[in-house]
Amino acid sequence: MRNDALIGFFCILYGTFFWGLVWFPFRLLNFGGIEPIQGSALSFLIAAILALLFIVPKHYSEIFQNYKTLCIYASVGCLTNITYVLAVVYGEVVRSMLLFFMSPAWTVVLCFLLLPGDKFSIKDSVVALLSLLGGIVILFDSSLFNFNFGVSDLYALVAGIGFAWTNVLARKYNHLSFQVKSFSIWFGVSLGAFFLLFILKSFPSIANISNSYNLFLILSIGSMLFISTLIIQFGLPRIHPVLASPIFLFEIIIAAFSSYFLANELLSIKDFIGGVLIIAAIFLSARHQSHKDTL
């Protein structure tokens, strides 16, 4: 592995620890009266404020010169992060993670549409179909002969599409610094979440925000978001988006152990089989892409 790709590998691996555990503080906030969209708005606002202090002064010209591109990146980041938090707070953590990681299906399509230099092959379609089959197995309810599809499952699927889109855009917009792309995500999620709260008329109460425990959680999540997003955005352009997917799988392992010990959640046989198919699709996709890159 090239040095650049190795750096990307460790950056993404670090990110899997954070995103594999972040469901828990968001659930604690929900128990404390701060709902997922409210928690996203406040925690990402903390990260955006930190960026205004430490990043924007050095990169303001780059931001204004690329504001249209950054608006696209911010919108995708907003969609991805808000739906991800909704999925892991309201749904089963590992089930949501597995549906989220149906990324090969979406990554193949998005690479074809947004990265013209990437050739689309029959093997790519096999990878996508295998990933989709895994999702079907997870969602199918054999006892009722229909799909057991909850709202949290929809959130997870949408977040997964946004995640694949973010990976592809990170490579497409490799002329932008990782600091600026990170800022666009923090700002986009915070702005988008507050806009949703305005539409839903569901702003958090001052009492809930000022609660010392909730405030500590919000500040902690926001600070860790600031650090982890910078590290992930630094690493993503250094590794192909399809190759990045297997690394993010470690997030499932972290989530599985943490959800078992912290929330007593167990994985069903059906979810396990579907997860194996999705994981197989991701590894097959990475192997195929690695082979193409060496040609």
Protein backbone atom coordinates (compact mmCIF):
# COMPACT_ATOMS: atom_id res chain seq x y z
CA MET A 1 0.00 0.00 0.00
CA ARG A 2 1.35 3.44 -0.96
CA ASN A 3 2.19 5.84 1.87
CA ASP A 4 -0.68 8.13 0.86
CA ALA A 5 -3.16 5.26 0.90
CA LEU A 6 -1.77 4.04 4.22
CA ILE A 7 -2.40 7.43 5.79
CA GLY A 8 -5.94 7.35 4.38
CA PHE A 9 -6.42 3.87 5.85
CA PHE A 10 -5.52 4.91 9.41
CA CYS A 11 -7.53 8.14 9.18
CA ILE A 12 -10.67 6.24 8.19
CA LEU A 13 -9.98 3.54 10.78
CA TYR A 14 -9.93 6.21 13.49
CA GLY A 15 -13.25 7.55 12.19
CA THR A 16 -14.85 4.12 12.57
CA PHE A 17 -14.23 4.21 16.33
CA PHE A 18 -16.04 7.52 16.70
CA TRP A 19 -19.00 6.68 14.46
CA GLY A 20 -19.28 3.20 15.91
CA LEU A 21 -19.79 4.69 19.39
CA VAL A 22 -21.51 8.01 18.74
CA TRP A 23 -24.97 6.43 18.81
CA PHE A 24 -24.70 6.09 22.60
CA PRO A 25 -24.29 9.79 23.58
CA PHE A 26 -27.02 10.71 21.09
CA ARG A 27 -29.31 8.20 22.80
CA LEU A 28 -28.38 9.64 26.18
CA LEU A 29 -29.32 13.08 24.86
CA ASN A 30 -32.64 11.66 23.65
CA PHE A 31 -33.31 10.25 27.13
CA GLY A 32 -32.51 13.72 28.49
CA GLY A 33 -35.11 15.41 26.29
CA ILE A 34 -32.83 16.39 23.38
CA GLU A 35 -34.19 14.59 20.29
CA PRO A 36 -31.86 13.38 17.48
CA ILE A 37 -32.37 16.32 15.11
CA GLN A 38 -32.04 18.74 18.03
CA GLY A 39 -28.87 16.99 19.19
CA SER A 40 -27.46 17.06 15.65
CA ALA A 41 -28.20 20.78 15.30
CA LEU A 42 -26.50 21.65 18.59
CA SER A 43 -23.48 19.33 18.40
CA PHE A 44 -22.69 20.20 14.78
CA LEU A 45 -23.10 23.87 15.70
CA ILE A 46 -20.29 23.42 18.25
CA ALA A 47 -18.08 21.92 15.54
CA ALA A 48 -18.99 24.75 13.14
CA ILE A 49 -18.12 27.39 15.77
CA LEU A 50 -14.74 25.72 16.34
CA ALA A 51 -14.21 25.82 12.58
CA LEU A 52 -15.07 29.54 12.46
CA LEU A 53 -12.36 30.13 15.05
CA PHE A 54 -9.61 27.83 13.77
CA ILE A 55 -10.25 27.05 10.09
CA VAL A 56 -12.24 29.78 8.32
CA PRO A 57 -9.73 32.61 9.01
CA LYS A 58 -7.05 30.67 7.10
CA HIS A 59 -9.31 29.35 4.34
CA TYR A 60 -11.97 32.03 3.79
CA SER A 61 -10.82 32.76 0.21
CA GLU A 62 -11.07 29.07 -0.72
CA ILE A 63 -14.55 28.91 0.81
CA PHE A 64 -15.87 31.92 -1.11
CA GLN A 65 -14.27 30.82 -4.39
CA ASN A 66 -15.89 27.37 -4.18
CA TYR A 67 -19.14 28.15 -2.39
CA LYS A 68 -21.34 26.42 -5.02
CA THR A 69 -19.37 23.18 -4.79
CA LEU A 70 -19.32 23.40 -1.00
CA CYS A 71 -23.10 23.88 -0.90
CA ILE A 72 -23.47 20.53 -2.69
CA TYR A 73 -21.03 18.88 -0.29
CA ALA A 74 -22.76 20.44 2.72
CA SER A 75 -26.20 19.28 1.54
CA VAL A 76 -25.04 15.68 1.11
CA GLY A 77 -23.29 15.82 4.50
CA CYS A 78 -26.47 17.15 6.10
CA LEU A 79 -28.60 14.35 4.61
CA THR A 80 -26.08 11.67 5.63
CA ASN A 81 -25.46 12.71 9.21
CA ILE A 82 -29.00 13.60 10.26
CA THR A 83 -30.50 10.37 8.89
CA TYR A 84 -27.65 8.36 10.41
CA VAL A 85 -28.32 9.77 13.89
CA LEU A 86 -32.07 9.19 13.50
CA ALA A 87 -31.43 5.57 12.47
CA VAL A 88 -29.12 4.61 15.35
CA VAL A 89 -31.18 6.43 18.00
CA TYR A 90 -34.61 5.11 17.01
CA GLY A 91 -33.61 1.76 15.47
CA GLU A 92 -31.46 -1.23 16.37
CA VAL A 93 -27.85 -0.11 16.13
CA VAL A 94 -26.30 -3.02 14.22
CA ARG A 95 -29.29 -3.51 11.91
CA SER A 96 -29.13 0.19 11.03
CA MET A 97 -25.37 -0.08 10.49
CA LEU A 98 -25.75 -3.03 8.13
CA LEU A 99 -28.34 -1.24 6.02
CA PHE A 100 -26.17 1.87 6.11
CA PHE A 101 -23.27 -0.16 4.74
CA MET A 102 -25.11 -1.29 1.63
CA SER A 103 -22.74 1.28 0.17
CA PRO A 104 -21.30 -0.81 -2.72
CA ALA A 105 -24.66 -0.71 -4.48
CA TRP A 106 -24.83 3.07 -4.27
CA THR A 107 -21.08 3.68 -4.69
CA VAL A 108 -20.93 1.77 -7.98
CA VAL A 109 -23.78 3.80 -9.44
CA LEU A 110 -22.48 7.14 -8.16
CA CYS A 111 -18.92 6.43 -9.35
CA PHE A 112 -20.35 5.68 -12.79
CA LEU A 113 -22.31 8.95 -12.82
CA LEU A 114 -19.84 11.30 -11.13
CA LEU A 115 -16.41 9.82 -11.92
CA PRO A 116 -16.37 9.32 -15.72
CA GLY A 117 -12.83 7.95 -15.57
CA ASP A 118 -14.01 4.90 -13.60
CA LYS A 119 -15.12 2.08 -15.89
CA PHE A 120 -18.30 0.17 -15.05
CA SER A 121 -18.05 -3.62 -15.46
CA ILE A 122 -20.13 -6.73 -14.99
CA LYS A 123 -18.28 -7.41 -11.73
CA ASP A 124 -19.44 -4.01 -10.46
CA SER A 125 -23.06 -4.98 -11.11
CA VAL A 126 -22.53 -8.31 -9.29
CA VAL A 127 -21.16 -6.43 -6.28
CA ALA A 128 -24.14 -4.08 -6.28
CA LEU A 129 -26.64 -6.95 -6.56
CA LEU A 130 -24.94 -8.88 -3.74
CA SER A 131 -25.17 -5.83 -1.51
CA LEU A 132 -28.84 -5.32 -2.39
CA LEU A 133 -29.53 -9.02 -1.70
CA GLY A 134 -28.06 -8.59 1.77
CA GLY A 135 -30.44 -5.68 2.42
CA ILE A 136 -33.40 -7.71 1.17
CA VAL A 137 -32.53 -10.57 3.54
CA ILE A 138 -32.33 -8.18 6.49
CA LEU A 139 -35.64 -6.49 5.68
CA PHE A 140 -37.63 -9.60 4.67
CA ASP A 141 -40.00 -10.98 7.31
CA SER A 142 -40.43 -14.68 6.47
CA SER A 143 -43.28 -15.22 8.91
CA LEU A 144 -45.46 -12.63 7.22
CA PHE A 145 -44.09 -13.02 3.67
CA ASN A 146 -43.46 -9.31 3.34
CA PHE A 147 -40.84 -6.71 4.12
CA ASN A 148 -40.38 -5.67 7.73
CA PHE A 149 -39.47 -2.10 6.85
CA GLY A 150 -39.48 0.47 9.65
CA VAL A 151 -38.84 4.20 9.59
CA SER A 152 -35.40 3.70 11.14
CA ASP A 153 -34.57 1.32 8.26
CA LEU A 154 -35.44 4.06 5.80
CA TYR A 155 -33.20 6.49 7.68
CA ALA A 156 -30.34 3.96 7.54
CA LEU A 157 -30.74 3.38 3.79
CA VAL A 158 -30.86 7.11 3.03
CA ALA A 159 -27.81 7.68 5.24
CA GLY A 160 -25.98 4.92 3.37
CA ILE A 161 -26.72 6.54 0.02
CA GLY A 162 -25.49 9.86 1.39
CA PHE A 163 -22.38 8.17 2.76
CA ALA A 164 -21.53 6.68 -0.63
CA TRP A 165 -22.21 10.04 -2.25
CA THR A 166 -19.88 11.78 0.21
CA ASN A 167 -17.09 9.29 -0.52
CA VAL A 168 -17.39 9.86 -4.26
CA LEU A 169 -17.60 13.66 -3.91
CA ALA A 170 -14.53 13.67 -1.65
CA ARG A 171 -12.58 12.15 -4.53
CA LYS A 172 -14.27 14.28 -7.20
CA TYR A 173 -13.55 17.51 -5.30
CA ASN A 174 -9.97 16.61 -4.43
CA HIS A 175 -8.89 20.15 -5.34
CA LEU A 176 -10.53 21.37 -2.11
CA SER A 177 -8.71 21.19 1.21
CA PHE A 178 -10.00 18.70 3.77
CA GLN A 179 -10.44 21.55 6.27
CA VAL A 180 -12.86 23.38 3.97
CA LYS A 181 -14.81 20.20 3.16
CA SER A 182 -15.06 19.43 6.87
CA PHE A 183 -16.34 22.94 7.62
CA SER A 184 -18.99 22.59 4.92
CA ILE A 185 -20.27 19.40 6.55
CA TRP A 186 -20.48 20.90 10.05
CA PHE A 187 -22.12 24.06 8.81
CA GLY A 188 -24.44 22.16 6.46
CA VAL A 189 -25.68 19.70 9.09
CA SER A 190 -26.21 22.42 11.70
CA LEU A 191 -28.03 24.74 9.30
CA GLY A 192 -30.09 21.91 7.81
CA ALA A 193 -31.03 20.54 11.24
CA PHE A 194 -32.11 23.97 12.54
CA PHE A 195 -34.14 24.47 9.35
CA LEU A 196 -35.91 21.13 9.97
CA LEU A 197 -36.58 22.12 13.58
CA PHE A 198 -38.09 25.39 12.33
CA ILE A 199 -40.33 23.51 9.89
CA LEU A 200 -41.31 20.96 12.55
CA LYS A 201 -41.60 23.65 15.26
CA SER A 202 -39.58 21.41 17.55
CA PHE A 203 -36.81 23.54 19.06
CA PRO A 204 -35.25 22.15 22.26
CA SER A 205 -36.14 23.87 25.50
CA ILE A 206 -33.57 26.08 27.22
CA ALA A 207 -33.97 23.96 30.36
CA ASN A 208 -32.94 20.79 28.52
CA ILE A 209 -29.97 22.50 26.85
CA SER A 210 -28.75 24.15 30.05
CA ASN A 211 -28.91 20.88 31.97
CA SER A 212 -25.28 20.25 32.92
CA TYR A 213 -25.33 16.60 31.79
CA ASN A 214 -26.90 17.40 28.40
CA LEU A 215 -24.58 20.37 27.91
CA PHE A 216 -21.55 18.19 28.62
CA LEU A 217 -22.73 15.63 26.05
CA ILE A 218 -23.39 18.31 23.41
CA LEU A 219 -19.97 19.89 23.90
CA SER A 220 -18.26 16.49 23.90
CA ILE A 221 -19.97 15.29 20.72
CA GLY A 222 -19.32 18.61 18.99
CA SER A 223 -15.64 18.62 19.91
CA MET A 224 -15.14 15.02 18.81
CA LEU A 225 -17.03 15.75 15.59
CA PHE A 226 -14.59 18.56 14.91
CA ILE A 227 -11.60 16.24 15.35
CA SER A 228 -12.97 13.08 13.68
CA THR A 229 -14.43 14.81 10.63
CA LEU A 230 -11.13 16.57 9.96
CA ILE A 231 -9.28 13.27 10.19
CA ILE A 232 -11.76 11.42 7.95
CA GLN A 233 -11.85 14.19 5.35
CA PHE A 234 -8.05 14.24 5.37
CA GLY A 235 -7.97 10.51 4.67
CA LEU A 236 -10.83 10.03 2.19
CA PRO A 237 -9.24 11.60 -0.93
CA ARG A 238 -6.11 9.49 -0.35
CA ILE A 239 -7.91 6.21 -0.92
CA HIS A 240 -10.41 5.12 -3.57
CA PRO A 241 -14.05 5.39 -2.35
CA VAL A 242 -14.68 1.70 -3.07
CA LEU A 243 -11.54 0.70 -1.17
CA ALA A 244 -12.61 2.88 1.77
CA SER A 245 -15.79 0.86 2.32
CA PRO A 246 -14.14 -2.26 3.86
CA ILE A 247 -12.25 -0.08 6.33
CA PHE A 248 -15.48 1.50 7.52
CA LEU A 249 -16.80 -2.01 8.22
CA PHE A 250 -14.85 -1.95 11.48
CA GLU A 251 -17.54 0.47 12.59
CA ILE A 252 -20.01 -2.43 12.59
CA ILE A 253 -17.79 -4.41 14.98
CA ILE A 254 -17.50 -1.43 17.34
CA ALA A 255 -21.26 -0.87 17.15
CA ALA A 256 -22.04 -4.57 17.71
CA PHE A 257 -19.96 -4.80 20.89
CA SER A 258 -21.07 -1.42 22.23
CA SER A 259 -24.78 -2.04 21.53
CA TYR A 260 -24.55 -5.46 23.21
CA PHE A 261 -22.88 -4.16 26.38
CA LEU A 262 -24.61 -0.77 26.56
CA ALA A 263 -28.10 -1.49 25.17
CA ASN A 264 -28.45 -5.30 25.38
CA GLU A 265 -29.13 -5.53 21.64
CA LEU A 266 -28.63 -8.87 19.89
CA LEU A 267 -28.27 -9.61 16.18
CA SER A 268 -30.86 -11.99 14.69
CA ILE A 269 -29.87 -14.89 12.40
CA LYS A 270 -31.57 -13.15 9.48
CA ASP A 271 -29.70 -9.92 10.09
CA PHE A 272 -26.46 -11.88 10.44
CA ILE A 273 -26.94 -13.62 7.06
CA GLY A 274 -27.81 -10.34 5.37
CA GLY A 275 -24.82 -8.71 7.00
CA VAL A 276 -22.50 -11.43 5.69
CA LEU A 277 -23.77 -10.78 2.14
CA ILE A 278 -23.23 -7.03 2.50
CA ILE A 279 -19.75 -7.49 3.96
CA ALA A 280 -18.90 -9.95 1.17
CA ALA A 281 -20.05 -7.39 -1.40
CA ILE A 282 -17.84 -4.71 0.14
CA PHE A 283 -14.75 -6.92 0.18
CA LEU A 284 -15.41 -8.15 -3.36
CA SER A 285 -15.83 -4.55 -4.45
CA ALA A 286 -12.55 -3.53 -2.83
CA ARG A 287 -10.68 -6.46 -4.34
CA HIS A 288 -12.06 -5.73 -7.80
CA GLN A 289 -11.18 -2.03 -7.51
CA SER A 290 -7.68 -2.86 -6.29
CA HIS A 291 -7.22 -5.09 -9.32
CA LYS A 292 -8.40 -2.33 -11.67
CA ASP A 293 -6.03 0.20 -10.08
CA THR A 294 -3.04 -2.06 -10.72
CA LEU A 295 -3.83 -2.46 -14.41
